[in-house]
Amino acid sequence: MPRPRSKNFQWLWRILVTAILYFAVMLFGHLADHLILFPTRSPINAGGAVRRMVPFDNGQLELWIAQSQRARSNGSVDVYVLRFYGNADRAERWPAEEAEMWNDRAVEIWGMNYPGFGDSTGPARLSKIGPAAVTAFDELKIKAGDRPIVVFGTSIGATAALHVAASRQAGVVGLILQNPPPLRELILRRFGWWNLWLLAGPVALQIPKDLDSIANANAVHVPAIFLLAEKDEVVPPGYHRVVVDAYAGDKRVISLRGAHHNDPIEGTALADLNKAFDWLLPKAASPPKRQLSG
């Protein structure tokens, strides 16, 4: 006997409801934010770093600032570093330690907590990272004046750093990018196959345009240092190279041999970074040569 028509309608109704729920979750559930960002608010010892709160998006943005010993001794700063960390990290954890990485230079580090992280007003949203990063840069620029600003981003922080450099090219003298992810491509190519792109596709579409590392890399012409972990298990090295190859400015690549995604920069790698820093600053101070046409 043929199946009763009422049962056919029940199956169609279930499929329709499932489809509606799927699209509702994909479009309005902030799925990319929940899958990519890992905000925490628990107190963290900031060492000698000093907190600075600046207005942002009807709330406040938390910055942590530390100077190197040379800067404190001189009473002045030669180079400012605007620092963006990974999505499971916090800004107060590092500036005091990182300020001493720069080979006895007079450096001041400004680390930013993304919205929803630490005491930065939330919720944690990918769409807020780009505007927050530009706000932090503009605040730093007021203090730095004509002194050089280098923007340093690690992991998802590299997407913020590239956005700042693309948006404020006149103010950024150079970039340091550690394990930079092309977020949309990473999601689609690495995670799409096992869910037939039903999950990865909508998540990739939710990545904000201002965090498109490839487009931003194509638009930036200041010199850049790339620090690439050889055994990165989070952002495989092949994806690092996508950003490196897209970068339009002069660049120097430092391979972090044997390093994984979250390993610190130390030993030979730190020495190589300081040598590259010497290259970056004079390079940044010299205007690019124009090619003669005809």
C-alpha atoms as a PDB file:
ATOM      1  CA  MET A   1       0.000   0.000   0.000  1.00  0.00           C
ATOM      2  CA  PRO A   2       1.232   3.571  -0.696  1.00  0.00           C
ATOM      3  CA  ARG A   3       2.310   5.555   2.350  1.00  0.00           C
ATOM      4  CA  PRO A   4      -0.476   7.813   3.638  1.00  0.00           C
ATOM      5  CA  ARG A   5      -0.182  11.379   2.421  1.00  0.00           C
ATOM      6  CA  SER A   6      -0.194  12.718   5.985  1.00  0.00           C
ATOM      7  CA  LYS A   7       3.067  10.872   6.722  1.00  0.00           C
ATOM      8  CA  ASN A   8       4.668  12.344   3.611  1.00  0.00           C
ATOM      9  CA  PHE A   9       3.726  15.801   4.830  1.00  0.00           C
ATOM     10  CA  GLN A  10       5.204  15.011   8.252  1.00  0.00           C
ATOM     11  CA  TRP A  11       8.556  14.120   6.680  1.00  0.00           C
ATOM     12  CA  LEU A  12       8.520  17.257   4.547  1.00  0.00           C
ATOM     13  CA  TRP A  13       7.668  19.337   7.598  1.00  0.00           C
ATOM     14  CA  ARG A  14      10.546  17.832   9.581  1.00  0.00           C
ATOM     15  CA  ILE A  15      12.993  18.505   6.762  1.00  0.00           C
ATOM     16  CA  LEU A  16      11.734  22.088   6.467  1.00  0.00           C
ATOM     17  CA  VAL A  17      12.022  22.711  10.214  1.00  0.00           C
ATOM     18  CA  THR A  18      15.525  21.194  10.269  1.00  0.00           C
ATOM     19  CA  ALA A  19      16.582  23.396   7.358  1.00  0.00           C
ATOM     20  CA  ILE A  20      15.180  26.507   9.048  1.00  0.00           C
ATOM     21  CA  LEU A  21      16.984  25.695  12.291  1.00  0.00           C
ATOM     22  CA  TYR A  22      20.231  25.024  10.417  1.00  0.00           C
ATOM     23  CA  PHE A  23      20.156  28.358   8.617  1.00  0.00           C
ATOM     24  CA  ALA A  24      19.083  30.209  11.768  1.00  0.00           C
ATOM     25  CA  VAL A  25      22.026  28.806  13.743  1.00  0.00           C
ATOM     26  CA  MET A  26      24.464  29.379  10.883  1.00  0.00           C
ATOM     27  CA  LEU A  27      23.358  32.958  10.261  1.00  0.00           C
ATOM     28  CA  PHE A  28      22.431  34.266  13.702  1.00  0.00           C
ATOM     29  CA  GLY A  29      24.190  32.037  16.227  1.00  0.00           C
ATOM     30  CA  HIS A  30      27.600  33.803  16.100  1.00  0.00           C
ATOM     31  CA  LEU A  31      29.029  30.384  15.374  1.00  0.00           C
ATOM     32  CA  ALA A  32      32.384  31.651  14.132  1.00  0.00           C
ATOM     33  CA  ASP A  33      32.829  33.696  17.317  1.00  0.00           C
ATOM     34  CA  HIS A  34      32.144  30.682  19.536  1.00  0.00           C
ATOM     35  CA  LEU A  35      34.356  28.296  17.547  1.00  0.00           C
ATOM     36  CA  ILE A  36      37.353  30.618  17.107  1.00  0.00           C
ATOM     37  CA  LEU A  37      37.488  32.911  20.147  1.00  0.00           C
ATOM     38  CA  PHE A  38      38.270  31.702  23.670  1.00  0.00           C
ATOM     39  CA  PRO A  39      37.810  34.705  25.968  1.00  0.00           C
ATOM     40  CA  THR A  40      38.757  34.665  29.634  1.00  0.00           C
ATOM     41  CA  ARG A  41      38.270  37.279  32.343  1.00  0.00           C
ATOM     42  CA  SER A  42      40.040  35.776  35.355  1.00  0.00           C
ATOM     43  CA  PRO A  43      42.726  37.976  36.977  1.00  0.00           C
ATOM     44  CA  ILE A  44      46.281  37.563  35.660  1.00  0.00           C
ATOM     45  CA  ASN A  45      49.488  38.901  37.184  1.00  0.00           C
ATOM     46  CA  ALA A  46      50.659  41.680  34.860  1.00  0.00           C
ATOM     47  CA  GLY A  47      54.156  41.935  36.332  1.00  0.00           C
ATOM     48  CA  GLY A  48      55.322  45.508  35.874  1.00  0.00           C
ATOM     49  CA  ALA A  49      52.848  46.345  33.096  1.00  0.00           C
ATOM     50  CA  VAL A  50      50.479  49.288  33.642  1.00  0.00           C
ATOM     51  CA  ARG A  51      46.829  49.172  32.616  1.00  0.00           C
ATOM     52  CA  ARG A  52      45.265  51.836  30.413  1.00  0.00           C
ATOM     53  CA  MET A  53      41.560  51.943  29.561  1.00  0.00           C
ATOM     54  CA  VAL A  54      40.346  53.767  26.457  1.00  0.00           C
ATOM     55  CA  PRO A  55      36.787  54.328  25.202  1.00  0.00           C
ATOM     56  CA  PHE A  56      35.565  51.857  22.603  1.00  0.00           C
ATOM     57  CA  ASP A  57      32.118  51.015  21.219  1.00  0.00           C
ATOM     58  CA  ASN A  58      30.106  52.339  24.181  1.00  0.00           C
ATOM     59  CA  GLY A  59      32.467  50.541  26.539  1.00  0.00           C
ATOM     60  CA  GLN A  60      36.181  50.345  27.230  1.00  0.00           C
ATOM     61  CA  LEU A  61      39.223  48.714  25.696  1.00  0.00           C
ATOM     62  CA  GLU A  62      41.940  47.397  27.998  1.00  0.00           C
ATOM     63  CA  LEU A  63      45.587  48.028  27.115  1.00  0.00           C
ATOM     64  CA  TRP A  64      48.664  46.896  29.049  1.00  0.00           C
ATOM     65  CA  ILE A  65      51.865  48.934  28.752  1.00  0.00           C
ATOM     66  CA  ALA A  66      55.455  48.160  29.738  1.00  0.00           C
ATOM     67  CA  GLN A  67      58.830  49.777  29.029  1.00  0.00           C
ATOM     68  CA  SER A  68      62.228  48.158  28.650  1.00  0.00           C
ATOM     69  CA  GLN A  69      64.946  48.852  31.201  1.00  0.00           C
ATOM     70  CA  ARG A  70      66.737  51.058  28.674  1.00  0.00           C
ATOM     71  CA  ALA A  71      63.588  53.161  28.131  1.00  0.00           C
ATOM     72  CA  ARG A  72      63.129  53.579  31.868  1.00  0.00           C
ATOM     73  CA  SER A  73      66.795  54.536  32.323  1.00  0.00           C
ATOM     74  CA  ASN A  74      66.739  57.011  29.434  1.00  0.00           C
ATOM     75  CA  GLY A  75      63.389  58.481  30.362  1.00  0.00           C
ATOM     76  CA  SER A  76      62.417  58.230  26.695  1.00  0.00           C
ATOM     77  CA  VAL A  77      61.259  55.704  24.122  1.00  0.00           C
ATOM     78  CA  ASP A  78      62.813  55.114  20.703  1.00  0.00           C
ATOM     79  CA  VAL A  79      60.377  52.500  19.360  1.00  0.00           C
ATOM     80  CA  TYR A  80      56.794  51.600  20.228  1.00  0.00           C
ATOM     81  CA  VAL A  81      55.457  48.078  19.660  1.00  0.00           C
ATOM     82  CA  LEU A  82      51.687  47.548  19.424  1.00  0.00           C
ATOM     83  CA  ARG A  83      51.071  43.921  20.356  1.00  0.00           C
ATOM     84  CA  PHE A  84      48.163  41.620  19.461  1.00  0.00           C
ATOM     85  CA  TYR A  85      48.184  38.120  20.970  1.00  0.00           C
ATOM     86  CA  GLY A  86      46.517  34.795  20.179  1.00  0.00           C
ATOM     87  CA  ASN A  87      42.845  34.124  20.742  1.00  0.00           C
ATOM     88  CA  ALA A  88      43.386  32.051  23.895  1.00  0.00           C
ATOM     89  CA  ASP A  89      45.899  34.477  25.397  1.00  0.00           C
ATOM     90  CA  ARG A  90      45.733  37.712  27.351  1.00  0.00           C
ATOM     91  CA  ALA A  91      47.579  41.006  26.979  1.00  0.00           C
ATOM     92  CA  GLU A  92      48.567  41.483  30.627  1.00  0.00           C
ATOM     93  CA  ARG A  93      50.610  38.276  30.629  1.00  0.00           C
ATOM     94  CA  TRP A  94      53.413  39.409  28.299  1.00  0.00           C
ATOM     95  CA  PRO A  95      54.332  43.123  27.877  1.00  0.00           C
ATOM     96  CA  ALA A  96      56.614  43.362  30.930  1.00  0.00           C
ATOM     97  CA  GLU A  97      58.553  40.286  29.797  1.00  0.00           C
ATOM     98  CA  GLU A  98      58.562  41.160  26.083  1.00  0.00           C
ATOM     99  CA  ALA A  99      59.836  44.687  26.721  1.00  0.00           C
ATOM    100  CA  GLU A 100      63.237  43.154  27.492  1.00  0.00           C
ATOM    101  CA  MET A 101      63.403  41.086  24.290  1.00  0.00           C
ATOM    102  CA  TRP A 102      64.713  43.886  22.106  1.00  0.00           C
ATOM    103  CA  ASN A 103      68.458  43.755  22.708  1.00  0.00           C
ATOM    104  CA  ASP A 104      68.775  46.673  25.123  1.00  0.00           C
ATOM    105  CA  ARG A 105      66.653  49.035  23.011  1.00  0.00           C
ATOM    106  CA  ALA A 106      64.430  51.759  24.474  1.00  0.00           C
ATOM    107  CA  VAL A 107      61.125  50.063  23.689  1.00  0.00           C
ATOM    108  CA  GLU A 108      57.579  50.489  24.978  1.00  0.00           C
ATOM    109  CA  ILE A 109      55.085  47.643  24.445  1.00  0.00           C
ATOM    110  CA  TRP A 110      51.327  48.216  24.209  1.00  0.00           C
ATOM    111  CA  GLY A 111      49.324  44.978  24.420  1.00  0.00           C
ATOM    112  CA  MET A 112      45.589  44.941  23.693  1.00  0.00           C
ATOM    113  CA  ASN A 113      42.913  42.672  25.151  1.00  0.00           C
ATOM    114  CA  TYR A 114      40.271  41.950  22.525  1.00  0.00           C
ATOM    115  CA  PRO A 115      36.660  42.872  23.348  1.00  0.00           C
ATOM    116  CA  GLY A 116      35.347  40.267  25.783  1.00  0.00           C
ATOM    117  CA  PHE A 117      38.866  39.418  27.043  1.00  0.00           C
ATOM    118  CA  GLY A 118      40.106  40.593  30.433  1.00  0.00           C
ATOM    119  CA  ASP A 119      38.421  43.880  31.305  1.00  0.00           C
ATOM    120  CA  SER A 120      37.753  44.919  27.709  1.00  0.00           C
ATOM    121  CA  THR A 121      34.014  45.340  27.303  1.00  0.00           C
ATOM    122  CA  GLY A 122      32.391  42.343  25.600  1.00  0.00           C
ATOM    123  CA  PRO A 123      30.962  40.253  24.153  1.00  0.00           C
ATOM    124  CA  ALA A 124      33.809  38.582  22.279  1.00  0.00           C
ATOM    125  CA  ARG A 125      33.137  39.056  18.577  1.00  0.00           C
ATOM    126  CA  LEU A 126      35.391  38.685  15.546  1.00  0.00           C
ATOM    127  CA  SER A 127      33.701  41.753  14.076  1.00  0.00           C
ATOM    128  CA  LYS A 128      35.032  43.846  16.980  1.00  0.00           C
ATOM    129  CA  ILE A 129      38.698  42.866  16.643  1.00  0.00           C
ATOM    130  CA  GLY A 130      39.511  45.066  13.662  1.00  0.00           C
ATOM    131  CA  PRO A 131      37.882  48.262  14.978  1.00  0.00           C
ATOM    132  CA  ALA A 132      39.362  47.662  18.448  1.00  0.00           C
ATOM    133  CA  ALA A 133      42.843  47.199  16.972  1.00  0.00           C
ATOM    134  CA  VAL A 134      42.586  50.491  15.060  1.00  0.00           C
ATOM    135  CA  THR A 135      41.351  52.230  18.226  1.00  0.00           C
ATOM    136  CA  ALA A 136      44.403  50.933  20.124  1.00  0.00           C
ATOM    137  CA  PHE A 137      46.709  52.127  17.363  1.00  0.00           C
ATOM    138  CA  ASP A 138      45.139  55.594  17.284  1.00  0.00           C
ATOM    139  CA  GLU A 139      45.546  55.880  21.049  1.00  0.00           C
ATOM    140  CA  LEU A 140      49.198  54.854  20.829  1.00  0.00           C
ATOM    141  CA  LYS A 141      49.826  57.215  17.921  1.00  0.00           C
ATOM    142  CA  ILE A 142      48.776  60.166  20.058  1.00  0.00           C
ATOM    143  CA  LYS A 143      51.576  59.350  22.498  1.00  0.00           C
ATOM    144  CA  ALA A 144      54.170  58.203  19.967  1.00  0.00           C
ATOM    145  CA  GLY A 145      53.908  61.248  17.738  1.00  0.00           C
ATOM    146  CA  ASP A 146      56.656  60.965  15.105  1.00  0.00           C
ATOM    147  CA  ARG A 147      58.457  58.088  16.800  1.00  0.00           C
ATOM    148  CA  PRO A 148      58.210  54.728  15.009  1.00  0.00           C
ATOM    149  CA  ILE A 149      55.446  52.215  15.717  1.00  0.00           C
ATOM    150  CA  VAL A 150      55.932  48.538  14.882  1.00  0.00           C
ATOM    151  CA  VAL A 151      52.821  46.338  14.960  1.00  0.00           C
ATOM    152  CA  PHE A 152      53.375  42.759  16.159  1.00  0.00           C
ATOM    153  CA  GLY A 153      50.671  40.098  15.889  1.00  0.00           C
ATOM    154  CA  THR A 154      50.674  36.418  16.810  1.00  0.00           C
ATOM    155  CA  SER A 155      48.193  33.913  15.351  1.00  0.00           C
ATOM    156  CA  ILE A 156      44.809  35.652  15.165  1.00  0.00           C
ATOM    157  CA  GLY A 157      46.652  38.750  16.368  1.00  0.00           C
ATOM    158  CA  ALA A 158      48.391  38.764  12.981  1.00  0.00           C
ATOM    159  CA  THR A 159      45.007  39.358  11.336  1.00  0.00           C
ATOM    160  CA  ALA A 160      44.530  42.398  13.596  1.00  0.00           C
ATOM    161  CA  ALA A 161      48.059  43.623  12.861  1.00  0.00           C
ATOM    162  CA  LEU A 162      47.543  43.372   9.094  1.00  0.00           C
ATOM    163  CA  HIS A 163      44.256  45.245   9.368  1.00  0.00           C
ATOM    164  CA  VAL A 164      45.918  48.060  11.309  1.00  0.00           C
ATOM    165  CA  ALA A 165      48.750  48.270   8.785  1.00  0.00           C
ATOM    166  CA  ALA A 166      46.282  48.359   5.881  1.00  0.00           C
ATOM    167  CA  SER A 167      44.132  51.001   7.595  1.00  0.00           C
ATOM    168  CA  ARG A 168      46.914  53.205   8.999  1.00  0.00           C
ATOM    169  CA  GLN A 169      49.741  52.832   6.497  1.00  0.00           C
ATOM    170  CA  ALA A 170      51.091  56.307   7.161  1.00  0.00           C
ATOM    171  CA  GLY A 171      51.628  55.513  10.852  1.00  0.00           C
ATOM    172  CA  VAL A 172      53.006  51.953  10.852  1.00  0.00           C
ATOM    173  CA  VAL A 173      56.712  51.625  10.037  1.00  0.00           C
ATOM    174  CA  GLY A 174      56.854  47.832  10.052  1.00  0.00           C
ATOM    175  CA  LEU A 175      55.177  44.559  10.973  1.00  0.00           C
ATOM    176  CA  ILE A 176      56.131  41.405  12.835  1.00  0.00           C
ATOM    177  CA  LEU A 177      53.776  38.519  12.078  1.00  0.00           C
ATOM    178  CA  GLN A 178      54.042  35.223  13.933  1.00  0.00           C
ATOM    179  CA  ASN A 179      52.191  32.193  12.537  1.00  0.00           C
ATOM    180  CA  PRO A 180      49.700  34.299  10.537  1.00  0.00           C
ATOM    181  CA  PRO A 181      46.463  32.498   9.635  1.00  0.00           C
ATOM    182  CA  PRO A 182      44.398  33.137   6.495  1.00  0.00           C
ATOM    183  CA  LEU A 183      41.239  32.443   8.499  1.00  0.00           C
ATOM    184  CA  ARG A 184      38.739  31.892   5.710  1.00  0.00           C
ATOM    185  CA  GLU A 185      41.026  29.638   3.695  1.00  0.00           C
ATOM    186  CA  LEU A 186      42.102  27.710   6.792  1.00  0.00           C
ATOM    187  CA  ILE A 187      38.509  26.966   7.764  1.00  0.00           C
ATOM    188  CA  LEU A 188      37.408  25.935   4.276  1.00  0.00           C
ATOM    189  CA  ARG A 189      40.402  23.823   3.266  1.00  0.00           C
ATOM    190  CA  ARG A 190      41.360  22.221   6.552  1.00  0.00           C
ATOM    191  CA  PHE A 191      37.972  21.706   8.201  1.00  0.00           C
ATOM    192  CA  GLY A 192      35.463  21.688   5.345  1.00  0.00           C
ATOM    193  CA  TRP A 193      35.889  18.159   4.021  1.00  0.00           C
ATOM    194  CA  TRP A 194      34.672  16.231   7.066  1.00  0.00           C
ATOM    195  CA  ASN A 195      31.382  18.177   7.338  1.00  0.00           C
ATOM    196  CA  LEU A 196      30.883  18.559   3.573  1.00  0.00           C
ATOM    197  CA  TRP A 197      31.314  22.307   4.092  1.00  0.00           C
ATOM    198  CA  LEU A 198      27.878  22.511   5.753  1.00  0.00           C
ATOM    199  CA  LEU A 199      29.574  23.859   8.884  1.00  0.00           C
ATOM    200  CA  ALA A 200      32.815  25.251   7.494  1.00  0.00           C
ATOM    201  CA  GLY A 201      31.136  27.174   4.678  1.00  0.00           C
ATOM    202  CA  PRO A 202      28.863  29.339   6.843  1.00  0.00           C
ATOM    203  CA  VAL A 203      31.624  29.808   9.463  1.00  0.00           C
ATOM    204  CA  ALA A 204      34.040  31.009   6.774  1.00  0.00           C
ATOM    205  CA  LEU A 205      31.429  33.449   5.467  1.00  0.00           C
ATOM    206  CA  GLN A 206      31.184  34.965   8.955  1.00  0.00           C
ATOM    207  CA  ILE A 207      34.866  35.978   9.013  1.00  0.00           C
ATOM    208  CA  PRO A 208      34.843  39.800   8.792  1.00  0.00           C
ATOM    209  CA  LYS A 209      36.380  41.346   5.683  1.00  0.00           C
ATOM    210  CA  ASP A 210      38.734  43.439   7.802  1.00  0.00           C
ATOM    211  CA  LEU A 211      40.363  40.217   9.071  1.00  0.00           C
ATOM    212  CA  ASP A 212      41.049  38.922   5.553  1.00  0.00           C
ATOM    213  CA  SER A 213      44.805  38.404   5.870  1.00  0.00           C
ATOM    214  CA  ILE A 214      45.363  37.839   2.158  1.00  0.00           C
ATOM    215  CA  ALA A 215      43.586  41.021   1.049  1.00  0.00           C
ATOM    216  CA  ASN A 216      45.293  43.061   3.773  1.00  0.00           C
ATOM    217  CA  ALA A 217      48.708  41.546   2.969  1.00  0.00           C
ATOM    218  CA  ASN A 218      48.249  42.585  -0.653  1.00  0.00           C
ATOM    219  CA  ALA A 219      47.538  46.156   0.462  1.00  0.00           C
ATOM    220  CA  VAL A 220      50.475  46.653   2.861  1.00  0.00           C
ATOM    221  CA  HIS A 221      53.885  47.849   1.686  1.00  0.00           C
ATOM    222  CA  VAL A 222      55.832  48.471   4.901  1.00  0.00           C
ATOM    223  CA  PRO A 223      58.622  45.971   5.656  1.00  0.00           C
ATOM    224  CA  ALA A 224      57.622  42.861   7.589  1.00  0.00           C
ATOM    225  CA  ILE A 225      59.257  40.089   9.586  1.00  0.00           C
ATOM    226  CA  PHE A 226      57.524  36.706   9.474  1.00  0.00           C
ATOM    227  CA  LEU A 227      58.119  34.257  12.330  1.00  0.00           C
ATOM    228  CA  LEU A 228      56.936  30.812  11.237  1.00  0.00           C
ATOM    229  CA  ALA A 229      56.766  27.790  13.550  1.00  0.00           C
ATOM    230  CA  GLU A 230      58.121  24.775  11.701  1.00  0.00           C
ATOM    231  CA  LYS A 231      55.796  22.307  13.468  1.00  0.00           C
ATOM    232  CA  ASP A 232      52.719  24.482  13.906  1.00  0.00           C
ATOM    233  CA  GLU A 233      49.838  22.125  14.700  1.00  0.00           C
ATOM    234  CA  VAL A 234      47.152  24.853  14.794  1.00  0.00           C
ATOM    235  CA  VAL A 235      47.934  26.800  11.624  1.00  0.00           C
ATOM    236  CA  PRO A 236      49.926  24.396   9.425  1.00  0.00           C
ATOM    237  CA  PRO A 237      52.997  25.987   7.796  1.00  0.00           C
ATOM    238  CA  GLY A 238      51.469  25.820   4.335  1.00  0.00           C
ATOM    239  CA  TYR A 239      48.859  28.347   5.426  1.00  0.00           C
ATOM    240  CA  HIS A 240      51.556  30.673   6.799  1.00  0.00           C
ATOM    241  CA  ARG A 241      53.070  30.720   3.324  1.00  0.00           C
ATOM    242  CA  VAL A 242      49.789  31.835   1.773  1.00  0.00           C
ATOM    243  CA  VAL A 243      50.028  35.072   3.779  1.00  0.00           C
ATOM    244  CA  VAL A 244      53.777  35.433   3.208  1.00  0.00           C
ATOM    245  CA  ASP A 245      53.367  35.036  -0.552  1.00  0.00           C
ATOM    246  CA  ALA A 246      50.516  37.575  -0.623  1.00  0.00           C
ATOM    247  CA  TYR A 247      52.490  40.210   1.271  1.00  0.00           C
ATOM    248  CA  ALA A 248      53.281  43.195  -0.976  1.00  0.00           C
ATOM    249  CA  GLY A 249      56.065  44.819   1.043  1.00  0.00           C
ATOM    250  CA  ASP A 250      59.678  43.826   1.658  1.00  0.00           C
ATOM    251  CA  LYS A 251      59.809  40.823   3.953  1.00  0.00           C
ATOM    252  CA  ARG A 252      62.179  38.661   5.888  1.00  0.00           C
ATOM    253  CA  VAL A 253      61.182  35.141   6.968  1.00  0.00           C
ATOM    254  CA  ILE A 254      62.529  33.511  10.139  1.00  0.00           C
ATOM    255  CA  SER A 255      61.865  29.796  10.530  1.00  0.00           C
ATOM    256  CA  LEU A 256      61.272  28.768  14.147  1.00  0.00           C
ATOM    257  CA  ARG A 257      62.850  25.364  13.856  1.00  0.00           C
ATOM    258  CA  GLY A 258      61.154  22.599  15.791  1.00  0.00           C
ATOM    259  CA  ALA A 259      58.643  25.081  17.251  1.00  0.00           C
ATOM    260  CA  HIS A 260      54.936  24.475  17.709  1.00  0.00           C
ATOM    261  CA  HIS A 261      52.198  27.102  17.494  1.00  0.00           C
ATOM    262  CA  ASN A 262      52.413  28.384  21.069  1.00  0.00           C
ATOM    263  CA  ASP A 263      56.140  27.970  21.691  1.00  0.00           C
ATOM    264  CA  PRO A 264      57.939  31.130  22.884  1.00  0.00           C
ATOM    265  CA  ILE A 265      60.529  32.964  20.799  1.00  0.00           C
ATOM    266  CA  GLU A 266      63.866  32.223  22.410  1.00  0.00           C
ATOM    267  CA  GLY A 267      67.455  31.222  21.800  1.00  0.00           C
ATOM    268  CA  THR A 268      68.578  31.384  18.169  1.00  0.00           C
ATOM    269  CA  ALA A 269      65.147  32.523  17.026  1.00  0.00           C
ATOM    270  CA  LEU A 270      65.257  35.529  19.359  1.00  0.00           C
ATOM    271  CA  ALA A 271      68.734  36.450  18.111  1.00  0.00           C
ATOM    272  CA  ASP A 272      67.483  36.190  14.527  1.00  0.00           C
ATOM    273  CA  LEU A 273      64.497  38.387  15.392  1.00  0.00           C
ATOM    274  CA  ASN A 274      66.751  41.108  16.807  1.00  0.00           C
ATOM    275  CA  LYS A 275      68.923  41.050  13.677  1.00  0.00           C
ATOM    276  CA  ALA A 276      65.795  41.319  11.561  1.00  0.00           C
ATOM    277  CA  PHE A 277      64.577  44.171  13.769  1.00  0.00           C
ATOM    278  CA  ASP A 278      67.791  46.043  12.897  1.00  0.00           C
ATOM    279  CA  TRP A 279      66.903  45.455   9.239  1.00  0.00           C
ATOM    280  CA  LEU A 280      63.271  46.488   9.667  1.00  0.00           C
ATOM    281  CA  LEU A 281      63.763  49.897  11.293  1.00  0.00           C
ATOM    282  CA  PRO A 282      66.330  51.362   8.870  1.00  0.00           C
ATOM    283  CA  LYS A 283      64.293  49.835   6.041  1.00  0.00           C
ATOM    284  CA  ALA A 284      61.179  51.531   7.365  1.00  0.00           C
ATOM    285  CA  ALA A 285      62.956  54.872   7.649  1.00  0.00           C
ATOM    286  CA  SER A 286      63.955  54.808   3.964  1.00  0.00           C
ATOM    287  CA  PRO A 287      61.223  55.611   1.428  1.00  0.00           C
ATOM    288  CA  PRO A 288      60.704  52.914  -1.227  1.00  0.00           C
ATOM    289  CA  LYS A 289      62.562  53.484  -4.459  1.00  0.00           C
ATOM    290  CA  ARG A 290      60.424  54.386  -7.432  1.00  0.00           C
ATOM    291  CA  GLN A 291      60.963  52.546 -10.643  1.00  0.00           C
ATOM    292  CA  LEU A 292      61.491  54.717 -13.691  1.00  0.00           C
ATOM    293  CA  SER A 293      59.022  54.087 -16.464  1.00  0.00           C
ATOM    294  CA  GLY A 294      59.785  54.138 -20.159  1.00  0.00           C
END
